[in-house]
């Protein structure tokens, strides 16, 4: 092969290589855009399907927080015996049962929100335990003492409920 022939070969190959490279670049760009669009549509579809489930989880936890609100709990759960220790245990068992019933909801909410709900549950139990060490001598007196001591303070569940509402507001 002579120099002219090699030059002629490059003259024919160069436009083909440039056209091939440009075509490859545009094909790659197109497939990346299509992949991104498909990913976006899948994400949008999953969000549309998951949102009602997440909202239902937040609703259930709001109901849980309302049910363990100290004033609501003490009014709803009446003592079954005059023993204040039995009543303390009944209240705590009621809170724990409500919590256990809603454990699966944690997968639909943020860790921060779930931790605040757990903290509200534990703080409510602590309030009941602190009231139980008072000098009351019956379940009815303990019930009255719990209501009186918590009347002026904001319930731990109310604080957690306001956080849940704020987090739901951020979903929109």
Protein backbone atom coordinates (compact mmCIF):
# COMPACT_ATOMS: atom_id res chain seq x y z
CA UNK A 1 0.00 0.00 0.00
CA UNK A 2 1.24 3.39 -0.89
CA UNK A 3 0.89 6.60 1.05
CA UNK A 4 -1.88 7.82 -1.23
CA UNK A 5 -3.87 4.67 -0.70
CA UNK A 6 -3.51 4.91 3.06
CA UNK A 7 -4.54 8.57 2.96
CA UNK A 8 -7.54 7.66 0.80
CA UNK A 9 -8.51 4.87 3.23
CA UNK A 10 -8.40 7.34 6.16
CA UNK A 11 -10.37 9.86 4.12
CA UNK A 12 -13.14 7.27 3.69
CA UNK A 13 -12.95 5.92 7.26
CA UNK A 14 -12.81 9.25 9.08
CA UNK A 15 -16.39 10.37 8.23
CA UNK A 16 -17.68 6.89 9.05
CA UNK A 17 -15.92 6.87 12.44
CA UNK A 18 -17.10 10.40 13.26
CA UNK A 19 -20.67 9.52 12.24
CA UNK A 20 -20.51 6.32 14.29
CA UNK A 21 -19.17 8.17 17.35
CA UNK A 22 -21.87 10.85 17.09
CA UNK A 23 -24.56 8.18 16.63
CA UNK A 24 -23.22 6.25 19.65
CA UNK A 25 -23.18 9.42 21.76
CA UNK A 26 -26.80 10.30 20.87
CA UNK A 27 -27.94 6.69 21.34
CA UNK A 28 -26.29 6.59 24.77
CA UNK A 29 -27.88 9.93 25.73
CA UNK A 30 -31.28 8.70 24.56
CA UNK A 31 -31.09 5.42 26.52
CA UNK A 32 -29.97 7.28 29.66
CA UNK A 33 -32.89 9.70 29.33
CA UNK A 34 -35.32 6.83 28.79
CA UNK A 35 -33.95 4.99 31.82
CA UNK A 36 -34.29 8.12 33.93
CA UNK A 37 -37.84 8.66 32.70
CA UNK A 38 -38.81 5.07 33.47
CA UNK A 39 -37.24 5.33 36.91
CA UNK A 40 -39.15 8.57 37.55
CA UNK A 41 -42.45 7.02 36.43
CA UNK A 42 -41.89 3.96 38.62
CA UNK A 43 -41.06 6.16 41.60
CA UNK A 44 -44.12 8.32 40.95
CA UNK A 45 -46.31 5.21 40.70
CA UNK A 46 -44.93 3.71 43.89
CA UNK A 47 -45.40 7.04 45.72
CA UNK A 48 -49.01 7.16 44.55
CA UNK A 49 -49.59 3.63 45.88
CA UNK A 50 -47.62 4.06 49.10
CA UNK A 51 -49.03 7.43 50.17
CA UNK A 52 -52.42 6.12 51.35
CA UNK A 53 -50.68 3.39 53.36
CA UNK A 54 -48.31 5.90 54.96
CA UNK A 55 -51.20 8.22 55.82
CA UNK A 56 -53.10 5.30 57.34
CA UNK A 57 -50.06 4.48 59.49
CA UNK A 58 -49.89 8.09 60.72
CA UNK A 59 -53.63 8.00 61.43
CA UNK A 60 -53.24 4.84 63.48
CA UNK A 61 -50.38 6.34 65.45
CA UNK A 62 -52.40 9.51 66.05
CA UNK A 63 -55.20 7.32 67.40
CA UNK A 64 -52.67 5.46 69.56
CA UNK A 65 -51.36 8.73 70.98
CA UNK A 66 -54.90 9.91 71.72
CA UNK A 67 -55.73 6.62 73.44
CA UNK A 68 -52.65 6.74 75.68
CA UNK A 69 -53.17 10.39 76.54
CA UNK A 70 -53.19 10.30 80.33
CA UNK A 71 -56.55 11.95 80.81
CA UNK A 72 -58.16 9.80 78.12
CA UNK A 73 -56.55 6.62 79.41
CA UNK A 74 -57.50 7.14 83.05
CA UNK A 75 -61.09 7.99 82.15
CA UNK A 76 -61.41 5.06 79.72
CA UNK A 77 -59.71 2.40 81.88
CA UNK A 78 -61.53 1.97 85.15
CA UNK A 79 -59.97 0.09 88.08
CA UNK A 80 -61.04 -3.54 88.40
CA UNK A 81 -60.02 -3.82 92.03
CA UNK A 82 -59.37 -1.35 94.85
CA UNK A 83 -55.61 -2.13 94.84
CA UNK A 84 -53.60 0.76 93.41
CA UNK A 85 -50.79 -1.55 92.24
CA UNK A 86 -53.26 -3.55 90.18
CA UNK A 87 -54.60 -0.35 88.65
CA UNK A 88 -51.09 0.89 87.85
CA UNK A 89 -50.32 -2.42 86.13
CA UNK A 90 -53.66 -2.33 84.27
CA UNK A 91 -52.92 1.14 82.89
CA UNK A 92 -49.39 0.20 81.84
CA UNK A 93 -50.58 -3.08 80.30
CA UNK A 94 -53.21 -1.16 78.37
CA UNK A 95 -50.55 1.19 76.97
CA UNK A 96 -48.24 -1.70 76.07
CA UNK A 97 -51.06 -3.62 74.35
CA UNK A 98 -52.01 -0.56 72.30
CA UNK A 99 -48.36 -0.09 71.34
CA UNK A 100 -47.85 -3.76 70.43
CA UNK A 101 -50.96 -3.62 68.26
CA UNK A 102 -49.41 -0.78 66.22
CA UNK A 103 -45.78 -1.92 66.04
CA UNK A 104 -45.90 -2.62 62.32
CA UNK A 105 -46.68 1.02 61.54
CA UNK A 106 -43.04 1.98 62.14
CA UNK A 107 -42.04 0.84 58.65
CA UNK A 108 -44.17 3.59 57.10
CA UNK A 109 -42.79 6.52 59.10
CA UNK A 110 -39.43 8.12 59.71
CA UNK A 111 -37.18 6.86 62.48
CA UNK A 112 -37.38 10.25 64.19
CA UNK A 113 -41.16 10.13 64.31
CA UNK A 114 -41.20 6.55 65.55
CA UNK A 115 -38.67 7.37 68.29
CA UNK A 116 -40.79 10.33 69.43
CA UNK A 117 -43.86 8.08 69.63
CA UNK A 118 -41.90 5.53 71.69
CA UNK A 119 -40.63 8.31 73.94
CA UNK A 120 -44.21 9.53 74.48
CA UNK A 121 -45.29 6.01 75.41
CA UNK A 122 -42.41 5.63 77.87
CA UNK A 123 -42.97 9.09 79.37
CA UNK A 124 -46.65 8.29 79.90
CA UNK A 125 -45.71 5.08 81.69
CA UNK A 126 -43.25 7.05 83.83
CA UNK A 127 -45.96 9.55 84.82
CA UNK A 128 -48.18 6.67 85.92
CA UNK A 129 -45.36 5.03 87.88
CA UNK A 130 -44.45 8.31 89.60
CA UNK A 131 -48.06 8.84 90.58
CA UNK A 132 -48.27 5.28 91.92
CA UNK A 133 -45.49 5.92 94.47
CA UNK A 134 -47.55 8.68 96.04
CA UNK A 135 -49.27 8.14 99.37
CA UNK A 136 -52.60 7.16 97.81
CA UNK A 137 -54.14 4.05 99.25
CA UNK A 138 -56.64 2.89 96.62
CA UNK A 139 -57.05 2.60 92.87
CA UNK A 140 -59.70 5.33 92.82
CA UNK A 141 -57.43 7.71 94.74
CA UNK A 142 -54.57 6.91 92.36
CA UNK A 143 -56.84 7.61 89.42
CA UNK A 144 -57.81 10.96 90.94
CA UNK A 145 -54.19 11.76 91.78
CA UNK A 146 -53.05 11.05 88.20
CA UNK A 147 -55.76 13.29 86.77
CA UNK A 148 -54.99 16.12 89.20
CA UNK A 149 -51.23 16.05 88.68
CA UNK A 150 -51.44 15.91 84.90
CA UNK A 151 -54.22 18.45 84.48
CA UNK A 152 -51.86 21.44 84.20
CA UNK A 153 -49.11 19.79 82.19
CA UNK A 154 -49.02 18.95 78.51
CA UNK A 155 -49.30 15.23 78.00
CA UNK A 156 -46.32 13.48 76.35
CA UNK A 157 -48.69 12.10 73.72
CA UNK A 158 -49.84 15.64 72.83
CA UNK A 159 -46.25 16.62 72.11
CA UNK A 160 -45.73 13.53 69.97
CA UNK A 161 -49.03 14.13 68.19
CA UNK A 162 -47.97 17.63 67.21
CA UNK A 163 -44.77 16.17 65.73
CA UNK A 164 -46.79 13.56 63.78
CA UNK A 165 -49.00 16.33 62.39
CA UNK A 166 -45.93 18.34 61.37
CA UNK A 167 -44.44 15.34 59.62
CA UNK A 168 -47.68 14.63 57.75
CA UNK A 169 -47.68 18.25 56.63
CA UNK A 170 -44.24 17.74 55.13
CA UNK A 171 -45.53 14.85 52.99
CA UNK A 172 -47.49 17.27 50.83
